[in-house]
Structures are given as C-alpha cells and as structure tokens.
Amino acid sequence: MKSQNNLYAFENKLKKQGYKYIAGIDEVGRGPLAAGVLACACILNLEIHIEGIDDSKKLSEKKRQVLTPLIQANALAYAYGYVNETEIDDLNIYQASKLAMTRAVNNLKIKPDYLLIDAMQLDLDIPQDAIIKGDTKSVSIAGASILAKVKRDEIMEKFDIIYPGYGFKQHKGYPTKQHIQQLKKLKPCKIHRLSYKPVQDARLIQQRLDLGGIE
C-alpha cells in the first residue's frame, strides 16, 4: 500500500546516509488525570515489513494487541520510559513527556545513532528529527506508539484493581464523564495528578464536604 510505503520514507533516507540504528520515540498519557506518562523507543529491523503498523490512535485495541508481539519479536531493540504522577506535578506534563522519552532511549540495549521523535527535541547527544504527527509519517515512531499505548493500558488495568471504583480499566485515566463523576464521589486517589484542574476541583469539593459545607 502507498501509505504503508510512505511510512518508511524517513528511515530509507537515513539508511542511505549510513545510519544503522534508527530509533522511533513516542509517548502516551499526556491527557489523563491519573498515573504517569509512558514513552517507548523502538529500533525496528527495517528489512522486515510488518503489515498494518500505523499511528496507534488509528488502530483498534484488538489490532494493537495483534501487532505488539510482532513488533517486539522483530525489533532490534525497544525500551520504555515512565514518569509518574508525582514527577508530572513537579515538572509539568511537557517536561515529564521529554523525560519519559529520554529514559526510554537510555534504556535501549542498543545505542541508536539517529532518533525520530514525535514532535519533540530531546537533550541527547544523538542526531535527531522532531516530526510533527510523526506517528503517521514514520514506521519507527508508529511502532513505538503502539508499544507505548499497549504498555500504558496494561498499567492502567493493574491500577484498576488497586484503586477500584474509578473505572481506570475503561477510560485509562482520561477525563471522561464517568471518571469526573467518580473522582468527585470518591475523591482523588494516590495516582491522580494533583496539578490537573479537574483533580484540584474534586479535592475542593471533598474539603467542603469534610468541613460540613454544601457541594
């Protein structure tokens, strides 16, 4: 398919320039009210074309689940970087996302010689390109986006067991109507991002209730 071939344009150009280990980097979890932001760095074996790789947001959960083991099995290396909710509150989400990406790159078992990053520049001494909407333009970033999405979803499903009642398994921490309602009802738990306004609002409601006020 034309679109599938276009996903290799950046990688093919870099290969012609002599780069061997090209890492795609993407993150997931900027928007949620709970838990951390997770990044993945992925160095694909570009000799093996995995049919169906695309921006993770365009794929169904079932398709991501099918592609994940294929990407993992055929990648030269992949690694994750996680920045938790406390770090997000301390840093802000933009800096936290950069840190998660940096951690992912540093966790790779093979040092990449070029980075293709979804819309960010990293403070690393490695040649790199920040590509706007990179997960729709680079197969390496698209692969990283799928691995990151699946891994963070797995983390949120575990948190759903630890912190029941919020619906983390369903909404993965994003500010859905259900999440906001339960947040106000149950008050924030340990993994909520206290710097995010809906969480702050829920805390104020609980404080007024605790003081005997009226919501």
N, C-alpha and C. Protein backbone atom coordinates (compact mmCIF):
# COMPACT_ATOMS: atom_id res chain seq x y z
N MET A 1 0.84 -1.19 0.00
CA MET A 1 0.00 0.00 0.00
C MET A 1 0.88 1.24 0.00
N LYS A 2 0.38 2.30 -0.65
CA LYS A 2 1.14 3.53 -0.73
C LYS A 2 1.41 4.11 0.64
N SER A 3 0.38 4.17 1.47
CA SER A 3 0.54 4.76 2.80
C SER A 3 1.55 3.99 3.62
N GLN A 4 1.54 2.67 3.50
CA GLN A 4 2.49 1.84 4.24
C GLN A 4 3.92 2.14 3.78
N ASN A 5 4.12 2.26 2.47
CA ASN A 5 5.44 2.58 1.94
C ASN A 5 5.91 3.96 2.38
N ASN A 6 4.98 4.91 2.45
CA ASN A 6 5.33 6.26 2.86
C ASN A 6 5.85 6.30 4.29
N LEU A 7 5.44 5.35 5.10
CA LEU A 7 5.89 5.30 6.49
C LEU A 7 7.38 5.02 6.60
N TYR A 8 7.97 4.54 5.54
CA TYR A 8 9.40 4.20 5.55
C TYR A 8 10.28 5.30 4.94
N ALA A 9 9.69 6.41 4.53
CA ALA A 9 10.44 7.45 3.82
C ALA A 9 11.59 8.01 4.65
N PHE A 10 11.31 8.37 5.91
CA PHE A 10 12.36 8.92 6.77
C PHE A 10 13.47 7.89 7.00
N GLU A 11 13.07 6.67 7.30
CA GLU A 11 14.04 5.61 7.58
C GLU A 11 14.90 5.29 6.36
N ASN A 12 14.27 5.22 5.19
CA ASN A 12 15.03 4.90 3.98
C ASN A 12 16.05 5.99 3.66
N LYS A 13 15.67 7.23 3.86
CA LYS A 13 16.59 8.35 3.63
C LYS A 13 17.79 8.26 4.58
N LEU A 14 17.51 7.96 5.85
CA LEU A 14 18.59 7.87 6.84
C LEU A 14 19.49 6.67 6.58
N LYS A 15 18.91 5.56 6.13
CA LYS A 15 19.72 4.38 5.79
C LYS A 15 20.70 4.70 4.67
N LYS A 16 20.24 5.46 3.68
CA LYS A 16 21.11 5.85 2.57
C LYS A 16 22.25 6.74 3.04
N GLN A 17 22.03 7.46 4.15
CA GLN A 17 23.06 8.33 4.71
C GLN A 17 24.01 7.57 5.63
N GLY A 18 23.75 6.28 5.81
CA GLY A 18 24.66 5.44 6.58
C GLY A 18 24.24 5.15 8.01
N TYR A 19 23.07 5.62 8.41
CA TYR A 19 22.61 5.34 9.77
C TYR A 19 22.05 3.92 9.85
N LYS A 20 22.40 3.23 10.94
CA LYS A 20 22.04 1.82 11.07
C LYS A 20 20.96 1.58 12.12
N TYR A 21 21.09 2.25 13.27
CA TYR A 21 20.17 2.02 14.37
C TYR A 21 19.30 3.26 14.56
N ILE A 22 18.15 3.25 13.90
CA ILE A 22 17.24 4.40 13.91
C ILE A 22 16.12 4.11 14.90
N ALA A 23 16.04 4.92 15.93
CA ALA A 23 15.02 4.71 16.96
C ALA A 23 13.86 5.67 16.77
N GLY A 24 12.67 5.13 16.76
CA GLY A 24 11.46 5.95 16.80
C GLY A 24 11.02 6.09 18.24
N ILE A 25 10.59 7.29 18.62
CA ILE A 25 10.19 7.54 20.01
C ILE A 25 8.84 8.22 20.05
N ASP A 26 7.96 7.72 20.89
CA ASP A 26 6.64 8.33 21.08
C ASP A 26 6.22 8.11 22.52
N GLU A 27 5.26 8.93 22.94
CA GLU A 27 4.76 8.80 24.32
C GLU A 27 3.24 8.75 24.31
N VAL A 28 2.69 8.28 25.40
CA VAL A 28 1.25 8.26 25.59
C VAL A 28 0.95 8.62 27.03
N GLY A 29 -0.12 9.37 27.21
CA GLY A 29 -0.53 9.68 28.58
C GLY A 29 -0.38 11.13 29.00
N ARG A 30 -0.38 12.05 28.05
CA ARG A 30 -0.34 13.46 28.44
C ARG A 30 -1.68 13.92 29.03
N GLY A 31 -2.76 13.44 28.43
CA GLY A 31 -4.08 13.95 28.79
C GLY A 31 -4.74 13.38 30.03
N PRO A 32 -4.40 12.17 30.47
CA PRO A 32 -5.10 11.59 31.62
C PRO A 32 -4.96 12.40 32.90
N LEU A 33 -5.90 12.17 33.80
CA LEU A 33 -5.88 12.80 35.12
C LEU A 33 -5.14 11.93 36.14
N ALA A 34 -4.81 10.71 35.75
CA ALA A 34 -4.23 9.77 36.70
C ALA A 34 -3.07 9.00 36.08
N ALA A 35 -2.16 8.58 36.97
CA ALA A 35 -0.98 7.78 36.61
C ALA A 35 -0.02 8.59 35.75
N GLY A 36 1.01 7.90 35.27
CA GLY A 36 2.10 8.60 34.62
C GLY A 36 2.01 8.66 33.11
N VAL A 37 3.02 9.28 32.53
CA VAL A 37 3.19 9.32 31.09
C VAL A 37 4.25 8.28 30.73
N LEU A 38 4.01 7.53 29.66
CA LEU A 38 4.90 6.44 29.29
C LEU A 38 5.38 6.62 27.86
N ALA A 39 6.68 6.46 27.66
CA ALA A 39 7.27 6.57 26.33
C ALA A 39 7.89 5.25 25.92
N CYS A 40 8.00 5.07 24.62
CA CYS A 40 8.69 3.90 24.09
C CYS A 40 9.69 4.35 23.03
N ALA A 41 10.87 3.76 23.06
CA ALA A 41 11.86 3.93 22.00
C ALA A 41 12.00 2.58 21.31
N CYS A 42 11.91 2.58 20.00
CA CYS A 42 11.88 1.32 19.26
C CYS A 42 12.79 1.39 18.04
N ILE A 43 13.74 0.47 17.97
CA ILE A 43 14.61 0.34 16.80
C ILE A 43 14.13 -0.88 16.01
N LEU A 44 13.46 -0.62 14.91
CA LEU A 44 12.91 -1.71 14.10
C LEU A 44 13.98 -2.31 13.19
N ASN A 45 13.81 -3.58 12.87
CA ASN A 45 14.57 -4.20 11.79
C ASN A 45 13.88 -3.78 10.50
N LEU A 46 14.46 -2.83 9.80
CA LEU A 46 13.81 -2.24 8.64
C LEU A 46 13.78 -3.17 7.43
N GLU A 47 14.45 -4.30 7.55
CA GLU A 47 14.40 -5.30 6.46
C GLU A 47 13.12 -6.11 6.53
N ILE A 48 12.45 -6.06 7.66
CA ILE A 48 11.21 -6.81 7.86
C ILE A 48 10.04 -5.82 7.92
N HIS A 49 9.14 -5.93 6.97
CA HIS A 49 7.97 -5.05 6.95
C HIS A 49 6.82 -5.74 7.68
N ILE A 50 6.33 -5.08 8.71
CA ILE A 50 5.20 -5.61 9.47
C ILE A 50 3.93 -4.95 8.96
N GLU A 51 3.08 -5.72 8.34
CA GLU A 51 1.86 -5.19 7.73
C GLU A 51 0.91 -4.66 8.80
N GLY A 52 0.41 -3.45 8.59
CA GLY A 52 -0.61 -2.91 9.47
C GLY A 52 -0.13 -1.90 10.47
N ILE A 53 1.18 -1.68 10.58
CA ILE A 53 1.67 -0.67 11.53
C ILE A 53 1.16 0.70 11.12
N ASP A 54 0.66 1.43 12.08
CA ASP A 54 0.16 2.78 11.84
C ASP A 54 0.13 3.50 13.18
N ASP A 55 -0.24 4.76 13.13
CA ASP A 55 -0.46 5.53 14.36
C ASP A 55 -1.39 4.73 15.27
N SER A 56 -0.98 4.55 16.52
CA SER A 56 -1.76 3.71 17.44
C SER A 56 -3.18 4.21 17.62
N LYS A 57 -3.38 5.54 17.51
CA LYS A 57 -4.72 6.11 17.71
C LYS A 57 -5.67 5.72 16.58
N LYS A 58 -5.13 5.31 15.45
CA LYS A 58 -5.96 4.90 14.31
C LYS A 58 -6.33 3.42 14.35
N LEU A 59 -5.71 2.70 15.28
CA LEU A 59 -5.90 1.25 15.34
C LEU A 59 -6.84 0.86 16.48
N SER A 60 -7.57 -0.20 16.28
CA SER A 60 -8.41 -0.72 17.36
C SER A 60 -7.55 -1.37 18.43
N GLU A 61 -8.11 -1.53 19.60
CA GLU A 61 -7.37 -2.19 20.68
C GLU A 61 -6.96 -3.60 20.25
N LYS A 62 -7.86 -4.29 19.57
CA LYS A 62 -7.56 -5.65 19.11
C LYS A 62 -6.38 -5.66 18.14
N LYS A 63 -6.36 -4.70 17.22
CA LYS A 63 -5.27 -4.63 16.24
C LYS A 63 -3.95 -4.30 16.93
N ARG A 64 -3.97 -3.42 17.92
CA ARG A 64 -2.74 -3.10 18.66
C ARG A 64 -2.23 -4.33 19.39
N GLN A 65 -3.15 -5.12 19.93
CA GLN A 65 -2.75 -6.33 20.64
C GLN A 65 -2.12 -7.35 19.69
N VAL A 66 -2.60 -7.39 18.47
CA VAL A 66 -2.04 -8.31 17.47
C VAL A 66 -0.65 -7.84 17.03
N LEU A 67 -0.50 -6.54 16.83
CA LEU A 67 0.75 -6.00 16.31
C LEU A 67 1.87 -5.98 17.36
N THR A 68 1.52 -5.81 18.62
CA THR A 68 2.55 -5.64 19.65
C THR A 68 3.57 -6.78 19.69
N PRO A 69 3.16 -8.06 19.77
CA PRO A 69 4.17 -9.12 19.80
C PRO A 69 4.96 -9.22 18.50
N LEU A 70 4.37 -8.84 17.38
CA LEU A 70 5.09 -8.85 16.11
C LEU A 70 6.19 -7.78 16.11
N ILE A 71 5.85 -6.61 16.60
CA ILE A 71 6.84 -5.53 16.69
C ILE A 71 7.95 -5.92 17.65
N GLN A 72 7.58 -6.44 18.81
CA GLN A 72 8.57 -6.82 19.82
C GLN A 72 9.50 -7.91 19.30
N ALA A 73 8.94 -8.88 18.59
CA ALA A 73 9.74 -10.00 18.11
C ALA A 73 10.70 -9.59 17.00
N ASN A 74 10.32 -8.60 16.21
CA ASN A 74 11.12 -8.23 15.05
C ASN A 74 11.94 -6.96 15.24
N ALA A 75 11.80 -6.31 16.39
CA ALA A 75 12.59 -5.11 16.67
C ALA A 75 14.02 -5.52 17.05
N LEU A 76 14.97 -4.69 16.68
CA LEU A 76 16.34 -4.90 17.13
C LEU A 76 16.45 -4.58 18.62
N ALA A 77 15.68 -3.61 19.05
CA ALA A 77 15.63 -3.24 20.47
C ALA A 77 14.42 -2.35 20.69
N TYR A 78 13.86 -2.43 21.89
CA TYR A 78 12.82 -1.50 22.31
C TYR A 78 12.89 -1.36 23.83
N ALA A 79 12.47 -0.21 24.32
CA ALA A 79 12.53 0.04 25.76
C ALA A 79 11.50 1.11 26.11
N TYR A 80 11.14 1.12 27.39
CA TYR A 80 10.14 2.06 27.88
C TYR A 80 10.76 3.04 28.87
N GLY A 81 10.12 4.19 28.97
CA GLY A 81 10.47 5.18 29.99
C GLY A 81 9.20 5.66 30.63
N TYR A 82 9.17 5.71 31.96
CA TYR A 82 7.94 6.06 32.68
C TYR A 82 8.23 7.22 33.62
N VAL A 83 7.33 8.19 33.64
CA VAL A 83 7.41 9.31 34.58
C VAL A 83 6.09 9.33 35.34
N ASN A 84 6.14 9.19 36.65
CA ASN A 84 4.91 9.03 37.42
C ASN A 84 4.20 10.34 37.68
N GLU A 85 3.03 10.22 38.29
CA GLU A 85 2.16 11.38 38.51
C GLU A 85 2.79 12.44 39.41
N THR A 86 3.58 12.02 40.39
CA THR A 86 4.25 12.98 41.27
C THR A 86 5.28 13.80 40.50
N GLU A 87 6.02 13.13 39.64
CA GLU A 87 7.00 13.82 38.80
C GLU A 87 6.32 14.78 37.83
N ILE A 88 5.17 14.37 37.31
CA ILE A 88 4.40 15.25 36.41
C ILE A 88 3.99 16.51 37.16
N ASP A 89 3.50 16.35 38.39
CA ASP A 89 3.09 17.51 39.18
C ASP A 89 4.27 18.43 39.46
N ASP A 90 5.44 17.86 39.66
CA ASP A 90 6.64 18.65 39.96
C ASP A 90 7.19 19.35 38.72
N LEU A 91 7.12 18.68 37.57
CA LEU A 91 7.80 19.17 36.38
C LEU A 91 6.91 19.97 35.43
N ASN A 92 5.71 19.52 35.22
CA ASN A 92 4.70 19.86 34.22
C ASN A 92 4.74 18.77 33.15
N ILE A 93 3.64 18.62 32.43
CA ILE A 93 3.49 17.46 31.55
C ILE A 93 4.42 17.51 30.35
N TYR A 94 4.75 18.70 29.87
CA TYR A 94 5.66 18.80 28.73
C TYR A 94 7.04 18.28 29.09
N GLN A 95 7.58 18.77 30.20
CA GLN A 95 8.91 18.32 30.64
C GLN A 95 8.88 16.85 31.05
N ALA A 96 7.77 16.41 31.63
CA ALA A 96 7.64 15.00 32.01
C ALA A 96 7.65 14.10 30.78
N SER A 97 7.01 14.55 29.70
CA SER A 97 6.99 13.77 28.46
C SER A 97 8.40 13.66 27.88
N LYS A 98 9.15 14.75 27.91
CA LYS A 98 10.54 14.73 27.43
C LYS A 98 11.38 13.77 28.28
N LEU A 99 11.15 13.81 29.58
CA LEU A 99 11.91 12.94 30.48
C LEU A 99 11.59 11.47 30.22
N ALA A 100 10.31 11.16 30.01
CA ALA A 100 9.92 9.77 29.71
C ALA A 100 10.59 9.29 28.43
N MET A 101 10.62 10.15 27.42
CA MET A 101 11.27 9.79 26.15
C MET A 101 12.78 9.58 26.35
N THR A 102 13.39 10.46 27.11
CA THR A 102 14.83 10.34 27.37
C THR A 102 15.14 9.04 28.11
N ARG A 103 14.32 8.72 29.09
CA ARG A 103 14.51 7.46 29.83
C ARG A 103 14.36 6.26 28.90
N ALA A 104 13.40 6.32 28.00
CA ALA A 104 13.20 5.21 27.06
C ALA A 104 14.44 5.01 26.20
N VAL A 105 14.98 6.10 25.66
CA VAL A 105 16.19 5.99 24.83
C VAL A 105 17.35 5.43 25.64
N ASN A 106 17.51 5.94 26.86
CA ASN A 106 18.63 5.48 27.69
C ASN A 106 18.48 4.03 28.13
N ASN A 107 17.27 3.51 28.08
CA ASN A 107 17.03 2.11 28.48
C ASN A 107 17.24 1.12 27.34
N LEU A 108 17.46 1.62 26.13
CA LEU A 108 17.67 0.71 24.99
C LEU A 108 18.96 -0.09 25.16
N LYS A 109 18.91 -1.35 24.79
CA LYS A 109 20.11 -2.19 24.90
C LYS A 109 21.09 -1.91 23.76
N ILE A 110 20.60 -1.30 22.68
CA ILE A 110 21.45 -0.86 21.57
C ILE A 110 21.39 0.67 21.52
N LYS A 111 22.54 1.32 21.48
CA LYS A 111 22.52 2.77 21.40
C LYS A 111 22.17 3.20 19.99
N PRO A 112 21.11 3.97 19.83
CA PRO A 112 20.74 4.40 18.48
C PRO A 112 21.71 5.44 17.94
N ASP A 113 21.85 5.49 16.61
CA ASP A 113 22.69 6.52 16.02
C ASP A 113 21.85 7.63 15.38
N TYR A 114 20.52 7.47 15.44
CA TYR A 114 19.62 8.54 15.00
C TYR A 114 18.26 8.36 15.68
N LEU A 115 17.64 9.50 16.01
CA LEU A 115 16.34 9.48 16.68
C LEU A 115 15.29 10.16 15.81
N LEU A 116 14.16 9.49 15.66
CA LEU A 116 12.98 10.09 15.04
C LEU A 116 11.94 10.23 16.15
N ILE A 117 11.60 11.46 16.49
CA ILE A 117 10.80 11.72 17.68
C ILE A 117 9.49 12.40 17.30
N ASP A 118 8.43 11.98 17.93
CA ASP A 118 7.13 12.59 17.67
C ASP A 118 7.07 13.98 18.30
N ALA A 119 7.32 14.99 17.47
CA ALA A 119 7.09 16.41 17.82
C ALA A 119 7.90 16.95 18.98
N MET A 120 9.05 16.38 19.26
CA MET A 120 9.87 16.88 20.35
C MET A 120 11.35 16.79 20.01
N GLN A 121 12.12 17.67 20.65
CA GLN A 121 13.58 17.58 20.64
C GLN A 121 14.03 17.14 22.02
N LEU A 122 14.98 16.22 22.06
CA LEU A 122 15.48 15.73 23.34
C LEU A 122 16.91 16.21 23.57
N ASP A 123 17.22 16.43 24.83
CA ASP A 123 18.57 16.89 25.20
C ASP A 123 19.52 15.70 25.27
N LEU A 124 19.72 15.10 24.11
CA LEU A 124 20.61 13.95 23.99
C LEU A 124 21.61 14.21 22.87
N ASP A 125 22.81 13.72 23.05
CA ASP A 125 23.88 13.93 22.06
C ASP A 125 23.79 12.88 20.96
N ILE A 126 22.61 12.84 20.33
CA ILE A 126 22.36 11.91 19.23
C ILE A 126 21.63 12.70 18.14
N PRO A 127 22.04 12.58 16.87
CA PRO A 127 21.32 13.27 15.79
C PRO A 127 19.84 12.89 15.84
N GLN A 128 18.98 13.88 15.56
CA GLN A 128 17.55 13.61 15.73
C GLN A 128 16.70 14.54 14.87
N ASP A 129 15.48 14.09 14.61
CA ASP A 129 14.46 14.90 13.95
C ASP A 129 13.20 14.87 14.81
N ALA A 130 12.64 16.04 15.03
CA ALA A 130 11.32 16.13 15.65
C ALA A 130 10.30 16.23 14.52
N ILE A 131 9.41 15.25 14.43
CA ILE A 131 8.47 15.18 13.31
C ILE A 131 7.05 15.41 13.83
N ILE A 132 6.43 16.47 13.36
CA ILE A 132 5.05 16.74 13.74
C ILE A 132 4.15 15.62 13.22
N LYS A 133 3.31 15.09 14.09
CA LYS A 133 2.47 13.93 13.76
C LYS A 133 3.32 12.78 13.24
N GLY A 134 4.45 12.59 13.90
CA GLY A 134 5.41 11.58 13.47
C GLY A 134 4.86 10.17 13.46
N ASP A 135 3.89 9.90 14.31
CA ASP A 135 3.34 8.54 14.35
C ASP A 135 2.52 8.22 13.11
N THR A 136 2.23 9.21 12.26
CA THR A 136 1.55 8.97 10.99
C THR A 136 2.51 9.04 9.81
N LYS A 137 3.80 9.35 10.08
CA LYS A 137 4.75 9.58 8.99
C LYS A 137 5.98 8.68 9.05
N SER A 138 6.24 8.06 10.20
CA SER A 138 7.44 7.23 10.37
C SER A 138 7.04 5.88 10.96
N VAL A 139 7.48 4.81 10.32
CA VAL A 139 7.14 3.48 10.81
C VAL A 139 7.75 3.22 12.18
N SER A 140 8.93 3.79 12.44
CA SER A 140 9.59 3.58 13.74
C SER A 140 8.82 4.26 14.86
N ILE A 141 8.35 5.49 14.60
CA ILE A 141 7.55 6.19 15.60
C ILE A 141 6.19 5.50 15.77
N ALA A 142 5.60 5.06 14.66
CA ALA A 142 4.32 4.36 14.74
C ALA A 142 4.45 3.08 15.58
N GLY A 143 5.54 2.33 15.35
CA GLY A 143 5.77 1.13 16.15
C GLY A 143 5.91 1.46 17.63
N ALA A 144 6.66 2.53 17.92
CA ALA A 144 6.82 2.95 19.31
C ALA A 144 5.49 3.38 19.92
N SER A 145 4.66 4.03 19.12
CA SER A 145 3.37 4.50 19.64
C SER A 145 2.47 3.33 20.01
N ILE A 146 2.52 2.26 19.23
CA ILE A 146 1.71 1.07 19.53
C ILE A 146 2.19 0.41 20.82
N LEU A 147 3.51 0.21 20.94
CA LEU A 147 4.05 -0.42 22.14
C LEU A 147 3.76 0.42 23.38
N ALA A 148 3.89 1.74 23.26
CA ALA A 148 3.64 2.61 24.40
C ALA A 148 2.18 2.56 24.83
N LYS A 149 1.28 2.60 23.86
CA LYS A 149 -0.15 2.58 24.17
C LYS A 149 -0.54 1.28 24.87
N VAL A 150 -0.08 0.16 24.34
CA VAL A 150 -0.44 -1.14 24.92
C VAL A 150 0.13 -1.27 26.34
N LYS A 151 1.38 -0.84 26.52
CA LYS A 151 2.01 -0.94 27.85
C LYS A 151 1.29 -0.07 28.86
N ARG A 152 0.95 1.16 28.49
CA ARG A 152 0.28 2.02 29.46
C ARG A 152 -1.12 1.50 29.78
N ASP A 153 -1.81 0.97 28.78
CA ASP A 153 -3.12 0.37 29.04
C ASP A 153 -3.01 -0.77 30.04
N GLU A 154 -1.96 -1.58 29.92
CA GLU A 154 -1.75 -2.67 30.88
C GLU A 154 -1.53 -2.13 32.29
N ILE A 155 -0.78 -1.05 32.40
CA ILE A 155 -0.54 -0.43 33.70
C ILE A 155 -1.85 0.07 34.31
N MET A 156 -2.69 0.69 33.49
CA MET A 156 -3.95 1.23 34.00
C MET A 156 -4.91 0.11 34.42
N GLU A 157 -4.85 -1.02 33.74
CA GLU A 157 -5.70 -2.15 34.14
C GLU A 157 -5.27 -2.69 35.51
N LYS A 158 -3.98 -2.64 35.79
CA LYS A 158 -3.49 -3.05 37.12
C LYS A 158 -3.92 -2.04 38.18
N PHE A 159 -3.86 -0.76 37.83
CA PHE A 159 -4.30 0.27 38.77
C PHE A 159 -5.81 0.17 39.04
N ASP A 160 -6.56 -0.33 38.07
CA ASP A 160 -7.99 -0.51 38.26
C ASP A 160 -8.29 -1.49 39.38
N ILE A 161 -7.40 -2.47 39.54
CA ILE A 161 -7.55 -3.46 40.62
C ILE A 161 -7.12 -2.86 41.97
N ILE A 162 -6.04 -2.09 41.94
CA ILE A 162 -5.51 -1.49 43.16
C ILE A 162 -6.43 -0.37 43.67
N TYR A 163 -6.97 0.40 42.73
CA TYR A 163 -7.83 1.54 43.08
C TYR A 163 -9.18 1.37 42.39
N PRO A 164 -10.03 0.48 42.91
CA PRO A 164 -11.32 0.21 42.26
C PRO A 164 -12.29 1.39 42.40
N GLY A 165 -13.23 1.42 41.48
CA GLY A 165 -14.29 2.42 41.56
C GLY A 165 -14.15 3.59 40.62
N TYR A 166 -12.95 3.84 40.13
CA TYR A 166 -12.74 4.98 39.24
C TYR A 166 -12.95 4.64 37.78
N GLY A 167 -12.89 3.36 37.45
CA GLY A 167 -13.07 2.93 36.06
C GLY A 167 -11.82 3.01 35.22
N PHE A 168 -10.66 2.89 35.86
CA PHE A 168 -9.39 3.03 35.14
C PHE A 168 -9.26 2.04 33.98
N LYS A 169 -9.83 0.85 34.12
CA LYS A 169 -9.75 -0.15 33.06
C LYS A 169 -10.46 0.33 31.80
N GLN A 170 -11.54 1.10 31.98
CA GLN A 170 -12.31 1.56 30.84
C GLN A 170 -11.71 2.81 30.20
N HIS A 171 -11.44 3.83 31.01
CA HIS A 171 -11.03 5.12 30.43
C HIS A 171 -9.53 5.39 30.50
N LYS A 172 -8.79 4.50 31.18
CA LYS A 172 -7.33 4.59 31.26
C LYS A 172 -6.84 5.90 31.88
N GLY A 173 -7.72 6.52 32.69
CA GLY A 173 -7.32 7.73 33.39
C GLY A 173 -7.70 9.02 32.68
N TYR A 174 -8.21 8.91 31.47
CA TYR A 174 -8.58 10.12 30.72
C TYR A 174 -9.83 10.76 31.34
N PRO A 175 -10.03 12.06 31.11
CA PRO A 175 -11.11 12.78 31.78
C PRO A 175 -12.48 12.56 31.14
N THR A 176 -12.95 11.34 31.17
CA THR A 176 -14.29 11.04 30.67
C THR A 176 -15.33 11.49 31.70
N LYS A 177 -16.57 11.52 31.27
CA LYS A 177 -17.67 11.90 32.18
C LYS A 177 -17.71 10.96 33.38
N GLN A 178 -17.55 9.66 33.11
CA GLN A 178 -17.55 8.67 34.20
C GLN A 178 -16.44 8.93 35.20
N HIS A 179 -15.24 9.22 34.68
CA HIS A 179 -14.10 9.45 35.55
C HIS A 179 -14.31 10.68 36.43
N ILE A 180 -14.78 11.77 35.83
CA ILE A 180 -15.02 13.00 36.58
C ILE A 180 -16.06 12.77 37.68
N GLN A 181 -17.12 12.04 37.36
CA GLN A 181 -18.17 11.76 38.35
C GLN A 181 -17.61 10.96 39.52
N GLN A 182 -16.84 9.92 39.22
CA GLN A 182 -16.28 9.08 40.29
C GLN A 182 -15.20 9.81 41.07
N LEU A 183 -14.49 10.68 40.40
CA LEU A 183 -13.46 11.48 41.07
C LEU A 183 -14.09 12.37 42.13
N LYS A 184 -15.21 12.99 41.79
CA LYS A 184 -15.91 13.85 42.74
C LYS A 184 -16.55 13.04 43.87
N LYS A 185 -16.98 11.84 43.52
CA LYS A 185 -17.66 10.99 44.51
C LYS A 185 -16.68 10.35 45.49
N LEU A 186 -15.56 9.86 44.97
CA LEU A 186 -14.63 9.08 45.79
C LEU A 186 -13.45 9.88 46.31
N LYS A 187 -13.22 11.05 45.76
CA LYS A 187 -12.06 11.94 45.96
C LYS A 187 -10.82 11.33 45.30
N PRO A 188 -9.82 12.16 45.00
CA PRO A 188 -8.63 11.66 44.29
C PRO A 188 -7.90 10.56 45.07
N CYS A 189 -7.34 9.61 44.32
CA CYS A 189 -6.53 8.56 44.93
C CYS A 189 -5.06 8.88 44.74
N LYS A 190 -4.19 7.99 45.14
CA LYS A 190 -2.75 8.26 45.16
C LYS A 190 -2.15 8.49 43.78
N ILE A 191 -2.79 7.98 42.74
CA ILE A 191 -2.19 8.12 41.42
C ILE A 191 -2.78 9.28 40.62
N HIS A 192 -3.66 10.06 41.20
CA HIS A 192 -4.20 11.21 40.48
C HIS A 192 -3.18 12.34 40.42
N ARG A 193 -3.21 13.07 39.32
CA ARG A 193 -2.29 14.20 39.12
C ARG A 193 -2.87 15.44 39.80
N LEU A 194 -2.27 15.82 40.88
CA LEU A 194 -2.82 16.89 41.70
C LEU A 194 -2.72 18.26 41.05
N SER A 195 -1.88 18.40 40.02
CA SER A 195 -1.74 19.69 39.35
C SER A 195 -2.79 19.90 38.26
N TYR A 196 -3.60 18.88 37.96
CA TYR A 196 -4.61 18.99 36.93
C TYR A 196 -5.90 19.54 37.52
N LYS A 197 -6.52 20.49 36.82
CA LYS A 197 -7.66 21.23 37.37
C LYS A 197 -8.84 20.34 37.80
N PRO A 198 -9.27 19.36 37.00
CA PRO A 198 -10.39 18.53 37.47
C PRO A 198 -10.10 17.82 38.79
N VAL A 199 -8.83 17.45 39.01
CA VAL A 199 -8.45 16.81 40.27
C VAL A 199 -8.46 17.84 41.40
N GLN A 200 -7.97 19.03 41.12
CA GLN A 200 -8.00 20.10 42.12
C GLN A 200 -9.44 20.45 42.50
N ASP A 201 -10.32 20.50 41.50
CA ASP A 201 -11.73 20.80 41.76
C ASP A 201 -12.36 19.73 42.64
N ALA A 202 -12.04 18.47 42.35
CA ALA A 202 -12.59 17.37 43.15
C ALA A 202 -12.09 17.43 44.59
N ARG A 203 -10.84 17.82 44.77
CA ARG A 203 -10.30 17.96 46.14
C ARG A 203 -11.01 19.07 46.90
N LEU A 204 -11.31 20.17 46.22
CA LEU A 204 -12.01 21.28 46.87
C LEU A 204 -13.42 20.87 47.30
N ILE A 205 -14.08 20.11 46.42
CA ILE A 205 -15.42 19.61 46.77
C ILE A 205 -15.36 18.74 48.01
N GLN A 206 -14.39 17.83 48.07
CA GLN A 206 -14.25 16.94 49.22
C GLN A 206 -13.90 17.72 50.49
N GLN A 207 -13.08 18.75 50.36
CA GLN A 207 -12.72 19.55 51.52
C GLN A 207 -13.94 20.26 52.09
N ARG A 208 -14.81 20.77 51.20
CA ARG A 208 -16.02 21.44 51.67
C ARG A 208 -16.96 20.45 52.35
N LEU A 209 -17.05 19.25 51.76
CA LEU A 209 -17.91 18.22 52.36
C LEU A 209 -17.36 17.80 53.73
N ASP A 210 -16.04 17.66 53.82
CA ASP A 210 -15.42 17.27 55.08
C ASP A 210 -15.64 18.31 56.18
N LEU A 211 -15.77 19.57 55.74
CA LEU A 211 -15.99 20.66 56.70
C LEU A 211 -17.48 20.89 56.99
N GLY A 212 -18.29 20.04 56.37
CA GLY A 212 -19.73 20.15 56.60
C GLY A 212 -20.41 21.15 55.70
N GLY A 213 -19.71 21.56 54.63
CA GLY A 213 -20.29 22.50 53.70
C GLY A 213 -21.22 21.82 52.71
N ILE A 214 -21.76 22.58 51.83
CA ILE A 214 -22.67 22.05 50.81
C ILE A 214 -21.99 22.14 49.46
N GLU A 215 -22.01 21.03 48.73
CA GLU A 215 -21.37 21.00 47.41
C GLU A 215 -22.06 21.97 46.47
